[in-house]
Amino acid sequence: VIACNTATAYGLEDLRGALERWKLDVPVVGVVEAGAQSVAAGLPREGEPDAVAVLATVGTCSSEAYPRAINRAAGLAGVRAPP
């Protein structure tokens, strides 16, 4: 588990790629994905979703990892992400 938003935002895909190249079957979970899945689970099935606030460091916000992850998780859950 990468338990830091900024480390997850900037390093998760690189770490997963390295593990794949090294042929190591180690699952890696980042807190951004877990948070985004929780947001998606709470979104309404119909109608306009409310806004979502994420408290994060400047580095995490600059990465735009949360909007991407929330949109991806909402799409997988079949709901509309907030604007």
PDB file of N, CA and C in Angstrom:
ATOM      1  N   VAL A   1       0.848  -1.171   0.000  1.00  0.00           N
ATOM      2  CA  VAL A   1       0.000   0.000   0.000  1.00  0.00           C
ATOM      3  C   VAL A   1       0.889   1.228   0.000  1.00  0.00           C
ATOM      4  N   ILE A   2       0.646   2.091  -0.964  1.00  0.00           N
ATOM      5  CA  ILE A   2       1.326   3.380  -0.965  1.00  0.00           C
ATOM      6  C   ILE A   2       0.403   4.317  -0.193  1.00  0.00           C
ATOM      7  N   ALA A   3       0.782   4.652   1.024  1.00  0.00           N
ATOM      8  CA  ALA A   3      -0.103   5.371   1.935  1.00  0.00           C
ATOM      9  C   ALA A   3       0.131   6.876   1.936  1.00  0.00           C
ATOM     10  N   CYS A   4       0.525   7.405   0.820  1.00  0.00           N
ATOM     11  CA  CYS A   4       0.745   8.845   0.685  1.00  0.00           C
ATOM     12  C   CYS A   4       0.114   9.275  -0.636  1.00  0.00           C
ATOM     13  N   ASN A   5      -0.737  10.285  -0.594  1.00  0.00           N
ATOM     14  CA  ASN A   5      -1.395  10.752  -1.816  1.00  0.00           C
ATOM     15  C   ASN A   5      -0.392  11.167  -2.880  1.00  0.00           C
ATOM     16  N   THR A   6       0.601  11.964  -2.501  1.00  0.00           N
ATOM     17  CA  THR A   6       1.551  12.472  -3.492  1.00  0.00           C
ATOM     18  C   THR A   6       2.406  11.344  -4.070  1.00  0.00           C
ATOM     19  N   ALA A   7       2.860  10.430  -3.227  1.00  0.00           N
ATOM     20  CA  ALA A   7       3.642   9.285  -3.724  1.00  0.00           C
ATOM     21  C   ALA A   7       2.797   8.427  -4.655  1.00  0.00           C
ATOM     22  N   THR A   8       1.523   8.247  -4.316  1.00  0.00           N
ATOM     23  CA  THR A   8       0.625   7.492  -5.187  1.00  0.00           C
ATOM     24  C   THR A   8       0.442   8.211  -6.511  1.00  0.00           C
ATOM     25  N   ALA A   9       0.177   9.508  -6.439  1.00  0.00           N
ATOM     26  CA  ALA A   9      -0.100  10.289  -7.647  1.00  0.00           C
ATOM     27  C   ALA A   9       1.063  10.254  -8.636  1.00  0.00           C
ATOM     28  N   TYR A  10       2.276  10.305  -8.122  1.00  0.00           N
ATOM     29  CA  TYR A  10       3.432  10.388  -9.014  1.00  0.00           C
ATOM     30  C   TYR A  10       4.177   9.070  -9.216  1.00  0.00           C
ATOM     31  N   GLY A  11       3.946   8.061  -8.361  1.00  0.00           N
ATOM     32  CA  GLY A  11       4.765   6.868  -8.468  1.00  0.00           C
ATOM     33  C   GLY A  11       4.063   5.550  -8.674  1.00  0.00           C
ATOM     34  N   LEU A  12       2.735   5.514  -8.541  1.00  0.00           N
ATOM     35  CA  LEU A  12       2.018   4.247  -8.605  1.00  0.00           C
ATOM     36  C   LEU A  12       2.232   3.518  -9.929  1.00  0.00           C
ATOM     37  N   GLU A  13       2.014   4.180 -11.022  1.00  0.00           N
ATOM     38  CA  GLU A  13       2.147   3.521 -12.333  1.00  0.00           C
ATOM     39  C   GLU A  13       3.584   3.106 -12.607  1.00  0.00           C
ATOM     40  N   ASP A  14       4.548   3.925 -12.181  1.00  0.00           N
ATOM     41  CA  ASP A  14       5.959   3.545 -12.355  1.00  0.00           C
ATOM     42  C   ASP A  14       6.289   2.296 -11.553  1.00  0.00           C
ATOM     43  N   LEU A  15       5.797   2.232 -10.317  1.00  0.00           N
ATOM     44  CA  LEU A  15       6.051   1.064  -9.478  1.00  0.00           C
ATOM     45  C   LEU A  15       5.398  -0.186 -10.064  1.00  0.00           C
ATOM     46  N   ARG A  16       4.169  -0.047 -10.517  1.00  0.00           N
ATOM     47  CA  ARG A  16       3.500  -1.198 -11.144  1.00  0.00           C
ATOM     48  C   ARG A  16       4.245  -1.653 -12.397  1.00  0.00           C
ATOM     49  N   GLY A  17       4.704  -0.701 -13.187  1.00  0.00           N
ATOM     50  CA  GLY A  17       5.464  -1.040 -14.386  1.00  0.00           C
ATOM     51  C   GLY A  17       6.765  -1.766 -14.054  1.00  0.00           C
ATOM     52  N   ALA A  18       7.458  -1.300 -13.024  1.00  0.00           N
ATOM     53  CA  ALA A  18       8.710  -1.939 -12.618  1.00  0.00           C
ATOM     54  C   ALA A  18       8.461  -3.364 -12.135  1.00  0.00           C
ATOM     55  N   LEU A  19       7.428  -3.548 -11.333  1.00  0.00           N
ATOM     56  CA  LEU A  19       7.114  -4.897 -10.846  1.00  0.00           C
ATOM     57  C   LEU A  19       6.779  -5.834 -11.996  1.00  0.00           C
ATOM     58  N   GLU A  20       6.082  -5.313 -12.986  1.00  0.00           N
ATOM     59  CA  GLU A  20       5.748  -6.137 -14.159  1.00  0.00           C
ATOM     60  C   GLU A  20       7.015  -6.513 -14.928  1.00  0.00           C
ATOM     61  N   ARG A  21       7.912  -5.536 -15.134  1.00  0.00           N
ATOM     62  CA  ARG A  21       9.166  -5.819 -15.842  1.00  0.00           C
ATOM     63  C   ARG A  21      10.014  -6.831 -15.073  1.00  0.00           C
ATOM     64  N   TRP A  22       9.983  -6.752 -13.764  1.00  0.00           N
ATOM     65  CA  TRP A  22      10.764  -7.668 -12.925  1.00  0.00           C
ATOM     66  C   TRP A  22      10.051  -8.997 -12.724  1.00  0.00           C
ATOM     67  N   LYS A  23       8.853  -9.123 -13.312  1.00  0.00           N
ATOM     68  CA  LYS A  23       8.049 -10.335 -13.210  1.00  0.00           C
ATOM     69  C   LYS A  23       7.761 -10.711 -11.748  1.00  0.00           C
ATOM     70  N   LEU A  24       7.449  -9.696 -10.955  1.00  0.00           N
ATOM     71  CA  LEU A  24       7.068  -9.894  -9.563  1.00  0.00           C
ATOM     72  C   LEU A  24       5.566  -9.686  -9.434  1.00  0.00           C
ATOM     73  N   ASP A  25       4.871 -10.691  -8.989  1.00  0.00           N
ATOM     74  CA  ASP A  25       3.420 -10.629  -8.851  1.00  0.00           C
ATOM     75  C   ASP A  25       3.071 -10.075  -7.467  1.00  0.00           C
ATOM     76  N   VAL A  26       3.223  -8.765  -7.324  1.00  0.00           N
ATOM     77  CA  VAL A  26       2.955  -8.088  -6.060  1.00  0.00           C
ATOM     78  C   VAL A  26       1.874  -7.039  -6.312  1.00  0.00           C
ATOM     79  N   PRO A  27       0.713  -7.177  -5.665  1.00  0.00           N
ATOM     80  CA  PRO A  27      -0.321  -6.163  -5.847  1.00  0.00           C
ATOM     81  C   PRO A  27       0.085  -4.865  -5.154  1.00  0.00           C
ATOM     82  N   VAL A  28      -0.189  -3.761  -5.812  1.00  0.00           N
ATOM     83  CA  VAL A  28       0.119  -2.446  -5.254  1.00  0.00           C
ATOM     84  C   VAL A  28      -1.165  -1.635  -5.236  1.00  0.00           C
ATOM     85  N   VAL A  29      -1.498  -1.096  -4.083  1.00  0.00           N
ATOM     86  CA  VAL A  29      -2.699  -0.290  -3.922  1.00  0.00           C
ATOM     87  C   VAL A  29      -2.277   1.105  -3.485  1.00  0.00           C
ATOM     88  N   GLY A  30      -2.823   2.102  -4.132  1.00  0.00           N
ATOM     89  CA  GLY A  30      -2.558   3.482  -3.748  1.00  0.00           C
ATOM     90  C   GLY A  30      -3.787   4.105  -3.115  1.00  0.00           C
ATOM     91  N   VAL A  31      -3.566   5.053  -2.241  1.00  0.00           N
ATOM     92  CA  VAL A  31      -4.691   5.667  -1.533  1.00  0.00           C
ATOM     93  C   VAL A  31      -5.577   6.497  -2.447  1.00  0.00           C
ATOM     94  N   VAL A  32      -5.055   6.987  -3.552  1.00  0.00           N
ATOM     95  CA  VAL A  32      -5.880   7.777  -4.478  1.00  0.00           C
ATOM     96  C   VAL A  32      -6.978   6.897  -5.067  1.00  0.00           C
ATOM     97  N   GLU A  33      -6.630   5.706  -5.531  1.00  0.00           N
ATOM     98  CA  GLU A  33      -7.643   4.799  -6.095  1.00  0.00           C
ATOM     99  C   GLU A  33      -8.684   4.417  -5.050  1.00  0.00           C
ATOM    100  N   ALA A  34      -8.225   4.112  -3.844  1.00  0.00           N
ATOM    101  CA  ALA A  34      -9.159   3.729  -2.782  1.00  0.00           C
ATOM    102  C   ALA A  34     -10.117   4.874  -2.463  1.00  0.00           C
ATOM    103  N   GLY A  35      -9.597   6.074  -2.390  1.00  0.00           N
ATOM    104  CA  GLY A  35     -10.459   7.233  -2.140  1.00  0.00           C
ATOM    105  C   GLY A  35     -11.441   7.472  -3.273  1.00  0.00           C
ATOM    106  N   ALA A  36     -10.976   7.329  -4.495  1.00  0.00           N
ATOM    107  CA  ALA A  36     -11.841   7.541  -5.660  1.00  0.00           C
ATOM    108  C   ALA A  36     -12.955   6.502  -5.714  1.00  0.00           C
ATOM    109  N   GLN A  37     -12.641   5.271  -5.365  1.00  0.00           N
ATOM    110  CA  GLN A  37     -13.671   4.222  -5.345  1.00  0.00           C
ATOM    111  C   GLN A  37     -14.722   4.510  -4.275  1.00  0.00           C
ATOM    112  N   SER A  38     -14.289   5.039  -3.148  1.00  0.00           N
ATOM    113  CA  SER A  38     -15.242   5.413  -2.096  1.00  0.00           C
ATOM    114  C   SER A  38     -16.151   6.544  -2.554  1.00  0.00           C
ATOM    115  N   VAL A  39     -15.585   7.519  -3.250  1.00  0.00           N
ATOM    116  CA  VAL A  39     -16.391   8.618  -3.782  1.00  0.00           C
ATOM    117  C   VAL A  39     -17.412   8.070  -4.776  1.00  0.00           C
ATOM    118  N   ALA A  40     -16.961   7.241  -5.703  1.00  0.00           N
ATOM    119  CA  ALA A  40     -17.861   6.692  -6.731  1.00  0.00           C
ATOM    120  C   ALA A  40     -18.994   5.891  -6.104  1.00  0.00           C
ATOM    121  N   ALA A  41     -18.699   5.158  -5.038  1.00  0.00           N
ATOM    122  CA  ALA A  41     -19.725   4.356  -4.372  1.00  0.00           C
ATOM    123  C   ALA A  41     -20.803   5.230  -3.742  1.00  0.00           C
ATOM    124  N   GLY A  42     -20.458   6.459  -3.399  1.00  0.00           N
ATOM    125  CA  GLY A  42     -21.418   7.359  -2.772  1.00  0.00           C
ATOM    126  C   GLY A  42     -22.150   8.274  -3.728  1.00  0.00           C
ATOM    127  N   LEU A  43     -21.828   8.200  -5.017  1.00  0.00           N
ATOM    128  CA  LEU A  43     -22.488   9.069  -5.995  1.00  0.00           C
ATOM    129  C   LEU A  43     -23.893   8.564  -6.302  1.00  0.00           C
ATOM    130  N   PRO A  44     -24.806   9.486  -6.584  1.00  0.00           N
ATOM    131  CA  PRO A  44     -26.182   9.064  -6.892  1.00  0.00           C
ATOM    132  C   PRO A  44     -26.251   8.299  -8.206  1.00  0.00           C
ATOM    133  N   ARG A  45     -27.150   7.341  -8.277  1.00  0.00           N
ATOM    134  CA  ARG A  45     -27.339   6.545  -9.503  1.00  0.00           C
ATOM    135  C   ARG A  45     -28.045   7.347 -10.585  1.00  0.00           C
ATOM    136  N   GLU A  46     -28.838   8.313 -10.186  1.00  0.00           N
ATOM    137  CA  GLU A  46     -29.545   9.160 -11.144  1.00  0.00           C
ATOM    138  C   GLU A  46     -29.417  10.610 -10.720  1.00  0.00           C
ATOM    139  N   GLY A  47     -29.518  11.495 -11.679  1.00  0.00           N
ATOM    140  CA  GLY A  47     -29.458  12.919 -11.368  1.00  0.00           C
ATOM    141  C   GLY A  47     -28.038  13.448 -11.364  1.00  0.00           C
ATOM    142  N   GLU A  48     -27.940  14.702 -11.026  1.00  0.00           N
ATOM    143  CA  GLU A  48     -26.660  15.402 -11.025  1.00  0.00           C
ATOM    144  C   GLU A  48     -25.906  15.122  -9.719  1.00  0.00           C
ATOM    145  N   PRO A  49     -24.657  14.665  -9.795  1.00  0.00           N
ATOM    146  CA  PRO A  49     -23.905  14.416  -8.562  1.00  0.00           C
ATOM    147  C   PRO A  49     -23.504  15.719  -7.886  1.00  0.00           C
ATOM    148  N   ASP A  50     -23.346  15.656  -6.584  1.00  0.00           N
ATOM    149  CA  ASP A  50     -22.853  16.801  -5.830  1.00  0.00           C
ATOM    150  C   ASP A  50     -21.365  16.984  -6.079  1.00  0.00           C
ATOM    151  N   ALA A  51     -20.835  18.076  -5.569  1.00  0.00           N
ATOM    152  CA  ALA A  51     -19.402  18.323  -5.655  1.00  0.00           C
ATOM    153  C   ALA A  51     -18.670  17.431  -4.651  1.00  0.00           C
ATOM    154  N   VAL A  52     -17.399  17.200  -4.903  1.00  0.00           N
ATOM    155  CA  VAL A  52     -16.555  16.407  -4.009  1.00  0.00           C
ATOM    156  C   VAL A  52     -15.359  17.268  -3.629  1.00  0.00           C
ATOM    157  N   ALA A  53     -15.031  17.294  -2.356  1.00  0.00           N
ATOM    158  CA  ALA A  53     -13.851  18.028  -1.888  1.00  0.00           C
ATOM    159  C   ALA A  53     -12.772  17.027  -1.496  1.00  0.00           C
ATOM    160  N   VAL A  54     -11.559  17.299  -1.923  1.00  0.00           N
ATOM    161  CA  VAL A  54     -10.415  16.471  -1.552  1.00  0.00           C
ATOM    162  C   VAL A  54      -9.407  17.379  -0.862  1.00  0.00           C
ATOM    163  N   LEU A  55      -9.051  17.043   0.351  1.00  0.00           N
ATOM    164  CA  LEU A  55      -8.024  17.788   1.074  1.00  0.00           C
ATOM    165  C   LEU A  55      -6.698  17.128   0.787  1.00  0.00           C
ATOM    166  N   ALA A  56      -5.807  17.865   0.141  1.00  0.00           N
ATOM    167  CA  ALA A  56      -4.544  17.269  -0.286  1.00  0.00           C
ATOM    168  C   ALA A  56      -3.458  18.334  -0.361  1.00  0.00           C
ATOM    169  N   THR A  57      -2.235  17.873  -0.477  1.00  0.00           N
ATOM    170  CA  THR A  57      -1.108  18.788  -0.620  1.00  0.00           C
ATOM    171  C   THR A  57      -1.112  19.408  -2.011  1.00  0.00           C
ATOM    172  N   VAL A  58      -0.319  20.440  -2.183  1.00  0.00           N
ATOM    173  CA  VAL A  58      -0.183  21.091  -3.487  1.00  0.00           C
ATOM    174  C   VAL A  58       0.312  20.084  -4.525  1.00  0.00           C
ATOM    175  N   GLY A  59       1.233  19.221  -4.135  1.00  0.00           N
ATOM    176  CA  GLY A  59       1.765  18.222  -5.065  1.00  0.00           C
ATOM    177  C   GLY A  59       0.701  17.275  -5.558  1.00  0.00           C
ATOM    178  N   THR A  60      -0.142  16.806  -4.660  1.00  0.00           N
ATOM    179  CA  THR A  60      -1.212  15.897  -5.054  1.00  0.00           C
ATOM    180  C   THR A  60      -2.210  16.618  -5.953  1.00  0.00           C
ATOM    181  N   CYS A  61      -2.580  17.838  -5.581  1.00  0.00           N
ATOM    182  CA  CYS A  61      -3.526  18.600  -6.407  1.00  0.00           C
ATOM    183  C   CYS A  61      -2.946  18.882  -7.791  1.00  0.00           C
ATOM    184  N   SER A  62      -1.679  19.222  -7.848  1.00  0.00           N
ATOM    185  CA  SER A  62      -1.038  19.515  -9.138  1.00  0.00           C
ATOM    186  C   SER A  62      -1.010  18.305 -10.062  1.00  0.00           C
ATOM    187  N   SER A  63      -0.982  17.122  -9.497  1.00  0.00           N
ATOM    188  CA  SER A  63      -0.915  15.908 -10.314  1.00  0.00           C
ATOM    189  C   SER A  63      -2.230  15.612 -11.021  1.00  0.00           C
ATOM    190  N   GLU A  64      -3.323  16.174 -10.517  1.00  0.00           N
ATOM    191  CA  GLU A  64      -4.673  15.915 -11.030  1.00  0.00           C
ATOM    192  C   GLU A  64      -5.036  14.432 -10.962  1.00  0.00           C
ATOM    193  N   ALA A  65      -4.402  13.707 -10.046  1.00  0.00           N
ATOM    194  CA  ALA A  65      -4.655  12.273  -9.904  1.00  0.00           C
ATOM    195  C   ALA A  65      -6.070  12.002  -9.419  1.00  0.00           C
ATOM    196  N   TYR A  66      -6.571  12.811  -8.483  1.00  0.00           N
ATOM    197  CA  TYR A  66      -7.912  12.551  -7.959  1.00  0.00           C
ATOM    198  C   TYR A  66      -8.998  12.740  -9.009  1.00  0.00           C
ATOM    199  N   PRO A  67      -9.028  13.839  -9.762  1.00  0.00           N
ATOM    200  CA  PRO A  67     -10.079  13.935 -10.792  1.00  0.00           C
ATOM    201  C   PRO A  67     -10.049  12.775 -11.785  1.00  0.00           C
ATOM    202  N   ARG A  68      -8.853  12.365 -12.204  1.00  0.00           N
ATOM    203  CA  ARG A  68      -8.749  11.234 -13.141  1.00  0.00           C
ATOM    204  C   ARG A  68      -9.265   9.951 -12.500  1.00  0.00           C
ATOM    205  N   ALA A  69      -8.843   9.690 -11.263  1.00  0.00           N
ATOM    206  CA  ALA A  69      -9.237   8.452 -10.581  1.00  0.00           C
ATOM    207  C   ALA A  69     -10.731   8.437 -10.275  1.00  0.00           C
ATOM    208  N   ILE A  70     -11.287   9.577  -9.879  1.00  0.00           N
ATOM    209  CA  ILE A  70     -12.719   9.645  -9.592  1.00  0.00           C
ATOM    210  C   ILE A  70     -13.518   9.433 -10.871  1.00  0.00           C
ATOM    211  N   ASN A  71     -13.117  10.054 -11.952  1.00  0.00           N
ATOM    212  CA  ASN A  71     -13.815   9.849 -13.238  1.00  0.00           C
ATOM    213  C   ASN A  71     -13.748   8.390 -13.671  1.00  0.00           C
ATOM    214  N   ARG A  72     -12.580   7.768 -13.520  1.00  0.00           N
ATOM    215  CA  ARG A  72     -12.414   6.361 -13.895  1.00  0.00           C
ATOM    216  C   ARG A  72     -13.284   5.468 -13.010  1.00  0.00           C
ATOM    217  N   ALA A  73     -13.256   5.692 -11.696  1.00  0.00           N
ATOM    218  CA  ALA A  73     -14.035   4.873 -10.769  1.00  0.00           C
ATOM    219  C   ALA A  73     -15.535   5.075 -10.982  1.00  0.00           C
ATOM    220  N   ALA A  74     -15.953   6.305 -11.261  1.00  0.00           N
ATOM    221  CA  ALA A  74     -17.368   6.577 -11.514  1.00  0.00           C
ATOM    222  C   ALA A  74     -17.810   5.851 -12.784  1.00  0.00           C
ATOM    223  N   GLY A  75     -16.991   5.901 -13.820  1.00  0.00           N
ATOM    224  CA  GLY A  75     -17.314   5.202 -15.062  1.00  0.00           C
ATOM    225  C   GLY A  75     -17.457   3.711 -14.849  1.00  0.00           C
ATOM    226  N   LEU A  76     -16.552   3.119 -14.083  1.00  0.00           N
ATOM    227  CA  LEU A  76     -16.641   1.694 -13.794  1.00  0.00           C
ATOM    228  C   LEU A  76     -17.861   1.353 -12.961  1.00  0.00           C
ATOM    229  N   ALA A  77     -18.290   2.300 -12.122  1.00  0.00           N
ATOM    230  CA  ALA A  77     -19.465   2.074 -11.271  1.00  0.00           C
ATOM    231  C   ALA A  77     -20.767   2.414 -12.005  1.00  0.00           C
ATOM    232  N   GLY A  78     -20.645   2.960 -13.222  1.00  0.00           N
ATOM    233  CA  GLY A  78     -21.832   3.307 -13.998  1.00  0.00           C
ATOM    234  C   GLY A  78     -22.563   4.538 -13.495  1.00  0.00           C
ATOM    235  N   VAL A  79     -21.830   5.448 -12.874  1.00  0.00           N
ATOM    236  CA  VAL A  79     -22.435   6.693 -12.401  1.00  0.00           C
ATOM    237  C   VAL A  79     -21.681   7.872 -12.997  1.00  0.00           C
ATOM    238  N   ARG A  80     -22.278   9.032 -12.878  1.00  0.00           N
ATOM    239  CA  ARG A  80     -21.669  10.244 -13.422  1.00  0.00           C
ATOM    240  C   ARG A  80     -20.801  10.903 -12.355  1.00  0.00           C
ATOM    241  N   ALA A  81     -19.591  11.287 -12.721  1.00  0.00           N
ATOM    242  CA  ALA A  81     -18.694  11.965 -11.800  1.00  0.00           C
ATOM    243  C   ALA A  81     -19.116  13.424 -11.645  1.00  0.00           C
ATOM    244  N   PRO A  82     -18.799  14.011 -10.497  1.00  0.00           N
ATOM    245  CA  PRO A  82     -19.123  15.425 -10.304  1.00  0.00           C
ATOM    246  C   PRO A  82     -18.246  16.297 -11.200  1.00  0.00           C
ATOM    247  N   PRO A  83     -18.720  17.502 -11.480  1.00  0.00           N
ATOM    248  CA  PRO A  83     -17.929  18.410 -12.343  1.00  0.00           C
ATOM    249  C   PRO A  83     -16.636  18.847 -11.697  1.00  0.00           C
TER     250      PRO A  83
END
